[in-house]
N, C-alpha and C. Protein backbone atom coordinates (compact mmCIF):
# COMPACT_ATOMS: atom_id res chain seq x y z
N MET A 1 0.84 -1.18 0.00
CA MET A 1 0.00 0.00 0.00
C MET A 1 0.88 1.25 0.00
N LYS A 2 0.61 2.14 -0.93
CA LYS A 2 1.40 3.36 -1.05
C LYS A 2 0.99 4.37 0.04
N GLN A 3 1.97 4.95 0.71
CA GLN A 3 1.69 5.93 1.75
C GLN A 3 1.50 7.31 1.15
N LYS A 4 0.62 8.10 1.78
CA LYS A 4 0.41 9.47 1.33
C LYS A 4 1.58 10.33 1.78
N PRO A 5 1.92 11.35 1.00
CA PRO A 5 2.99 12.26 1.41
C PRO A 5 2.59 13.00 2.69
N LEU A 6 3.58 13.39 3.46
CA LEU A 6 3.36 14.08 4.71
C LEU A 6 2.52 15.34 4.54
N ILE A 7 2.70 16.05 3.45
CA ILE A 7 1.96 17.29 3.23
C ILE A 7 0.46 17.03 3.11
N GLU A 8 0.07 15.83 2.75
CA GLU A 8 -1.35 15.50 2.63
C GLU A 8 -1.94 14.97 3.93
N THR A 9 -1.12 14.55 4.87
CA THR A 9 -1.63 13.97 6.11
C THR A 9 -1.45 14.86 7.32
N ASN A 10 -0.49 15.76 7.31
CA ASN A 10 -0.23 16.63 8.45
C ASN A 10 -1.10 17.88 8.36
N PRO A 11 -1.98 18.11 9.36
CA PRO A 11 -2.88 19.27 9.28
C PRO A 11 -2.16 20.61 9.26
N TYR A 12 -0.98 20.68 9.85
CA TYR A 12 -0.23 21.93 9.84
C TYR A 12 0.35 22.23 8.46
N LEU A 13 0.59 21.21 7.67
CA LEU A 13 1.10 21.42 6.33
C LEU A 13 -0.02 21.66 5.33
N ARG A 14 -1.21 21.14 5.60
CA ARG A 14 -2.34 21.34 4.69
C ARG A 14 -2.89 22.75 4.79
N ASP A 15 -2.82 23.37 5.97
CA ASP A 15 -3.33 24.72 6.17
C ASP A 15 -2.17 25.70 5.97
N PRO A 16 -2.18 26.50 4.90
CA PRO A 16 -1.05 27.39 4.60
C PRO A 16 -0.71 28.36 5.72
N GLU A 17 -1.71 28.86 6.44
CA GLU A 17 -1.45 29.81 7.53
C GLU A 17 -0.75 29.12 8.70
N LYS A 18 -1.21 27.93 9.07
CA LYS A 18 -0.56 27.18 10.16
C LYS A 18 0.86 26.78 9.74
N PHE A 19 1.01 26.38 8.48
CA PHE A 19 2.32 25.99 7.97
C PHE A 19 3.30 27.15 8.07
N ARG A 20 2.87 28.34 7.63
CA ARG A 20 3.74 29.52 7.65
C ARG A 20 4.14 29.88 9.08
N LYS A 21 3.19 29.87 10.01
CA LYS A 21 3.49 30.20 11.40
C LYS A 21 4.48 29.21 12.00
N ALA A 22 4.25 27.92 11.75
CA ALA A 22 5.15 26.90 12.28
C ALA A 22 6.54 27.02 11.68
N LEU A 23 6.61 27.31 10.38
CA LEU A 23 7.90 27.46 9.71
C LEU A 23 8.66 28.66 10.27
N ILE A 24 7.96 29.77 10.46
CA ILE A 24 8.59 30.98 11.00
C ILE A 24 9.14 30.72 12.40
N MET A 25 8.36 30.05 13.24
CA MET A 25 8.83 29.78 14.61
C MET A 25 10.03 28.82 14.61
N SER A 26 10.02 27.86 13.71
CA SER A 26 11.13 26.92 13.63
C SER A 26 12.42 27.62 13.19
N VAL A 27 12.30 28.43 12.14
CA VAL A 27 13.48 29.15 11.63
C VAL A 27 13.95 30.18 12.66
N ALA A 28 13.01 30.87 13.30
CA ALA A 28 13.37 31.90 14.28
C ALA A 28 14.10 31.28 15.47
N SER A 29 13.61 30.16 15.97
CA SER A 29 14.26 29.55 17.14
C SER A 29 15.64 29.01 16.78
N SER A 30 15.77 28.41 15.61
CA SER A 30 17.08 27.90 15.18
C SER A 30 18.07 29.04 14.97
N THR A 31 17.61 30.12 14.36
CA THR A 31 18.46 31.28 14.12
C THR A 31 18.87 31.93 15.44
N ALA A 32 17.95 31.99 16.40
CA ALA A 32 18.25 32.58 17.69
C ALA A 32 19.35 31.79 18.42
N ILE A 33 19.31 30.49 18.30
CA ILE A 33 20.34 29.66 18.93
C ILE A 33 21.69 29.95 18.30
N GLU A 34 21.73 30.08 16.98
CA GLU A 34 22.99 30.30 16.27
C GLU A 34 23.53 31.72 16.45
N THR A 35 22.64 32.71 16.51
CA THR A 35 23.10 34.10 16.52
C THR A 35 23.02 34.78 17.88
N GLY A 36 22.18 34.26 18.78
CA GLY A 36 22.00 34.89 20.09
C GLY A 36 20.97 36.01 20.06
N ALA A 37 20.37 36.28 18.91
CA ALA A 37 19.34 37.31 18.80
C ALA A 37 18.04 36.79 19.40
N PRO A 38 17.17 37.68 19.90
CA PRO A 38 15.90 37.24 20.46
C PRO A 38 14.99 36.61 19.40
N ILE A 39 14.29 35.55 19.79
CA ILE A 39 13.39 34.87 18.87
C ILE A 39 12.33 35.82 18.34
N ALA A 40 11.78 36.66 19.21
CA ALA A 40 10.70 37.57 18.80
C ALA A 40 11.14 38.51 17.68
N SER A 41 12.37 39.02 17.77
CA SER A 41 12.82 39.95 16.72
C SER A 41 13.05 39.23 15.40
N ILE A 42 13.54 38.02 15.45
CA ILE A 42 13.76 37.24 14.23
C ILE A 42 12.41 36.88 13.61
N ALA A 43 11.46 36.44 14.44
CA ALA A 43 10.13 36.09 13.94
C ALA A 43 9.45 37.30 13.31
N ARG A 44 9.62 38.46 13.92
CA ARG A 44 9.02 39.68 13.38
C ARG A 44 9.59 39.99 11.99
N MET A 45 10.90 39.86 11.84
CA MET A 45 11.53 40.11 10.53
C MET A 45 11.01 39.13 9.48
N LEU A 46 10.85 37.87 9.87
CA LEU A 46 10.37 36.86 8.93
C LEU A 46 8.91 37.09 8.57
N GLU A 47 8.10 37.50 9.54
CA GLU A 47 6.68 37.75 9.28
C GLU A 47 6.47 38.95 8.35
N GLU A 48 7.37 39.91 8.41
CA GLU A 48 7.26 41.08 7.56
C GLU A 48 7.71 40.80 6.14
N GLY A 49 8.32 39.65 5.92
CA GLY A 49 8.81 39.29 4.59
C GLY A 49 7.69 38.98 3.64
N GLU A 50 8.06 38.69 2.43
CA GLU A 50 7.12 38.41 1.35
C GLU A 50 6.32 37.14 1.64
N GLU A 51 5.03 37.17 1.31
CA GLU A 51 4.17 36.00 1.48
C GLU A 51 4.60 34.91 0.50
N THR A 52 4.57 33.68 0.96
CA THR A 52 4.93 32.56 0.10
C THR A 52 3.68 31.93 -0.48
N LYS A 53 3.83 31.31 -1.62
CA LYS A 53 2.72 30.61 -2.25
C LYS A 53 2.55 29.26 -1.55
N PRO A 54 1.32 28.74 -1.49
CA PRO A 54 1.10 27.43 -0.88
C PRO A 54 1.91 26.36 -1.60
N PHE A 55 2.40 25.40 -0.85
CA PHE A 55 3.19 24.30 -1.39
C PHE A 55 2.25 23.26 -1.99
N THR A 56 2.56 22.78 -3.18
CA THR A 56 1.75 21.75 -3.81
C THR A 56 2.65 20.59 -4.18
N THR A 57 2.08 19.42 -4.21
CA THR A 57 2.85 18.24 -4.56
C THR A 57 2.64 17.91 -6.03
N THR A 58 3.62 17.25 -6.61
CA THR A 58 3.50 16.78 -7.98
C THR A 58 3.72 15.28 -7.99
N GLN A 59 3.13 14.62 -8.91
CA GLN A 59 3.30 13.18 -9.02
C GLN A 59 4.50 12.87 -9.89
N GLY A 60 5.18 11.82 -9.56
CA GLY A 60 6.30 11.39 -10.38
C GLY A 60 7.63 11.87 -9.86
N SER A 61 8.65 11.66 -10.65
CA SER A 61 10.01 12.00 -10.27
C SER A 61 10.26 13.49 -10.28
N ALA A 62 11.11 13.95 -9.41
CA ALA A 62 11.47 15.37 -9.34
C ALA A 62 12.58 15.70 -10.33
N ARG A 63 13.06 14.71 -11.03
CA ARG A 63 14.17 14.92 -11.96
C ARG A 63 13.74 15.56 -13.20
């Protein structure tokens, strides 16, 4: 039985707004660890950035 891709089963990845918030927090916390900057300031800079298009899956090889 073929498994569905994670983007189709994870509710945070299916909802573009939840996905963006989770991605921003993940990047902000990782960046804060590396740079010592406050998470809130990094998250604010990322939130002010350009909106991303929703991620879509394609069938077949990525090649």
